[in-house]
C-alpha atoms as a PDB file:
ATOM      1  CA  MET A   1      94.303 116.926 119.622  1.00  0.00           C
ATOM      2  CA  GLU A   2      92.645 118.578 122.573  1.00  0.00           C
ATOM      3  CA  VAL A   3      88.902 119.194 122.630  1.00  0.00           C
ATOM      4  CA  ILE A   4      87.413 122.000 124.700  1.00  0.00           C
ATOM      5  CA  CYS A   5      83.733 121.896 125.548  1.00  0.00           C
ATOM      6  CA  LEU A   6      81.792 125.015 126.458  1.00  0.00           C
ATOM      7  CA  GLU A   7      78.185 125.614 127.320  1.00  0.00           C
ATOM      8  CA  ASP A   8      76.215 127.678 124.836  1.00  0.00           C
ATOM      9  CA  GLU A   9      76.115 130.736 127.098  1.00  0.00           C
ATOM     10  CA  ALA A  10      79.863 130.639 127.799  1.00  0.00           C
ATOM     11  CA  PHE A  11      80.661 130.215 124.100  1.00  0.00           C
ATOM     12  CA  TYR A  12      78.521 133.173 123.025  1.00  0.00           C
ATOM     13  CA  ALA A  13      79.890 135.326 125.853  1.00  0.00           C
ATOM     14  CA  LEU A  14      83.412 134.537 124.669  1.00  0.00           C
ATOM     15  CA  ILE A  15      82.512 135.419 121.075  1.00  0.00           C
ATOM     16  CA  GLU A  16      80.988 138.737 122.186  1.00  0.00           C
ATOM     17  CA  GLN A  17      84.158 139.628 124.102  1.00  0.00           C
ATOM     18  CA  VAL A  18      86.345 138.864 121.099  1.00  0.00           C
ATOM     19  CA  VAL A  19      84.143 140.895 118.754  1.00  0.00           C
ATOM     20  CA  SER A  20      84.018 143.876 121.125  1.00  0.00           C
ATOM     21  CA  ARG A  21      87.817 143.887 121.496  1.00  0.00           C
ATOM     22  CA  LEU A  22      88.255 143.755 117.732  1.00  0.00           C
ATOM     23  CA  ARG A  23      85.840 146.668 117.300  1.00  0.00           C
ATOM     24  CA  GLU A  24      87.707 148.722 119.907  1.00  0.00           C
ATOM     25  CA  LYS A  25      91.026 148.055 118.219  1.00  0.00           C
ATOM     26  CA  GLN A  26      89.675 148.728 114.739  1.00  0.00           C
ATOM     27  CA  GLY A  27      87.915 151.907 115.841  1.00  0.00           C
ATOM     28  CA  HIS A  28      91.118 153.239 117.356  1.00  0.00           C
ATOM     29  CA  GLU A  29      93.112 152.581 114.198  1.00  0.00           C
ATOM     30  CA  ASN A  30      90.547 154.227 111.959  1.00  0.00           C
ATOM     31  CA  ASP A  31      90.320 157.590 113.712  1.00  0.00           C
ATOM     32  CA  LYS A  32      89.920 160.357 111.141  1.00  0.00           C
ATOM     33  CA  TRP A  33      92.189 162.804 112.972  1.00  0.00           C
ATOM     34  CA  ILE A  34      95.513 161.540 114.292  1.00  0.00           C
ATOM     35  CA  SER A  35      98.367 163.019 116.335  1.00  0.00           C
ATOM     36  CA  ASP A  36     101.687 164.172 114.948  1.00  0.00           C
ATOM     37  CA  GLN A  37     103.387 161.023 116.248  1.00  0.00           C
ATOM     38  CA  GLN A  38     100.900 158.777 114.441  1.00  0.00           C
ATOM     39  CA  ALA A  39     101.234 160.867 111.256  1.00  0.00           C
ATOM     40  CA  MET A  40     105.016 160.633 111.417  1.00  0.00           C
ATOM     41  CA  GLN A  41     104.748 156.870 111.840  1.00  0.00           C
ATOM     42  CA  LEU A  42     102.387 156.510 108.851  1.00  0.00           C
ATOM     43  CA  LEU A  43     104.632 158.659 106.665  1.00  0.00           C
ATOM     44  CA  ASN A  44     107.782 157.036 108.018  1.00  0.00           C
ATOM     45  CA  VAL A  45     109.415 160.380 108.806  1.00  0.00           C
ATOM     46  CA  LYS A  46     111.535 161.085 111.857  1.00  0.00           C
ATOM     47  CA  SER A  47     111.325 164.868 112.012  1.00  0.00           C
ATOM     48  CA  LYS A  48     108.476 167.198 112.919  1.00  0.00           C
ATOM     49  CA  THR A  49     110.036 169.672 110.503  1.00  0.00           C
ATOM     50  CA  THR A  50     109.321 167.329 107.600  1.00  0.00           C
ATOM     51  CA  LEU A  51     105.743 166.992 108.805  1.00  0.00           C
ATOM     52  CA  GLN A  52     105.447 170.792 109.008  1.00  0.00           C
ATOM     53  CA  LYS A  53     106.849 171.113 105.477  1.00  0.00           C
ATOM     54  CA  LEU A  54     104.204 168.729 104.111  1.00  0.00           C
ATOM     55  CA  ARG A  55     101.577 170.715 105.999  1.00  0.00           C
ATOM     56  CA  ASP A  56     102.858 174.103 104.765  1.00  0.00           C
ATOM     57  CA  GLU A  57     102.998 172.920 101.143  1.00  0.00           C
ATOM     58  CA  GLY A  58      99.381 171.746 101.372  1.00  0.00           C
ATOM     59  CA  LYS A  59     100.226 168.116 100.714  1.00  0.00           C
ATOM     60  CA  ILE A  60      98.394 166.825 103.796  1.00  0.00           C
ATOM     61  CA  ARG A  61      95.347 168.214 105.585  1.00  0.00           C
ATOM     62  CA  PHE A  62      95.437 169.242 109.206  1.00  0.00           C
ATOM     63  CA  SER A  63      93.279 170.792 111.883  1.00  0.00           C
ATOM     64  CA  GLN A  64      94.412 173.005 114.726  1.00  0.00           C
ATOM     65  CA  PRO A  65      91.692 172.958 117.408  1.00  0.00           C
ATOM     66  CA  GLN A  66      94.000 174.689 119.913  1.00  0.00           C
ATOM     67  CA  LYS A  67      97.168 176.724 119.574  1.00  0.00           C
ATOM     68  CA  LYS A  68      99.610 173.896 120.333  1.00  0.00           C
ATOM     69  CA  ILE A  69      97.499 170.952 119.168  1.00  0.00           C
ATOM     70  CA  ILE A  70      97.684 169.946 115.511  1.00  0.00           C
ATOM     71  CA  LEU A  71      95.822 166.912 114.229  1.00  0.00           C
ATOM     72  CA  TYR A  72      96.322 165.328 110.820  1.00  0.00           C
ATOM     73  CA  ASP A  73      93.745 163.830 108.473  1.00  0.00           C
ATOM     74  CA  ARG A  74      94.494 160.119 108.066  1.00  0.00           C
ATOM     75  CA  ASP A  75      92.726 159.998 104.673  1.00  0.00           C
ATOM     76  CA  SER A  76      94.856 162.822 103.244  1.00  0.00           C
ATOM     77  CA  ILE A  77      98.029 161.069 104.424  1.00  0.00           C
ATOM     78  CA  ASN A  78      96.917 157.837 102.736  1.00  0.00           C
ATOM     79  CA  ALA A  79      96.044 159.795  99.568  1.00  0.00           C
ATOM     80  CA  TYR A  80      99.480 161.457  99.619  1.00  0.00           C
ATOM     81  CA  LEU A  81     101.170 158.068  99.929  1.00  0.00           C
ATOM     82  CA  GLU A  82      99.077 156.617  97.094  1.00  0.00           C
ATOM     83  CA  GLN A  83      99.798 159.629  94.904  1.00  0.00           C
ATOM     84  CA  ASN A  84     103.532 159.104  95.334  1.00  0.00           C
ATOM     85  CA  ALA A  85     103.469 155.320  94.952  1.00  0.00           C
ATOM     86  CA  ARG A  86     105.351 153.804  92.039  1.00  0.00           C
ATOM     87  CA  ASN A  87     104.264 150.702  90.173  1.00  0.00           C
ATOM     88  CA  THR A  88     106.642 147.793  89.903  1.00  0.00           C
ATOM     89  CA  PHE A  89     108.012 146.629  86.580  1.00  0.00           C
END
């Protein structure tokens, strides 16, 4: 077994760095509005046409801040997945 000794200041600085990196990573994953690529990954679909179909049928929420930019609501995608989940036997 190897023992590593750190001074108090170095230990707390290390802890702060770890916590800040975790917050950055968690904040990025929990964005409310996500891109089409992220939405396709969450839904496990390969085609933008399928994503458009879900959007047109009103199954997932979206926002279109500019003409060619469409963002998807992560919460509505999660709700759609939960709604279509099947319980095991």
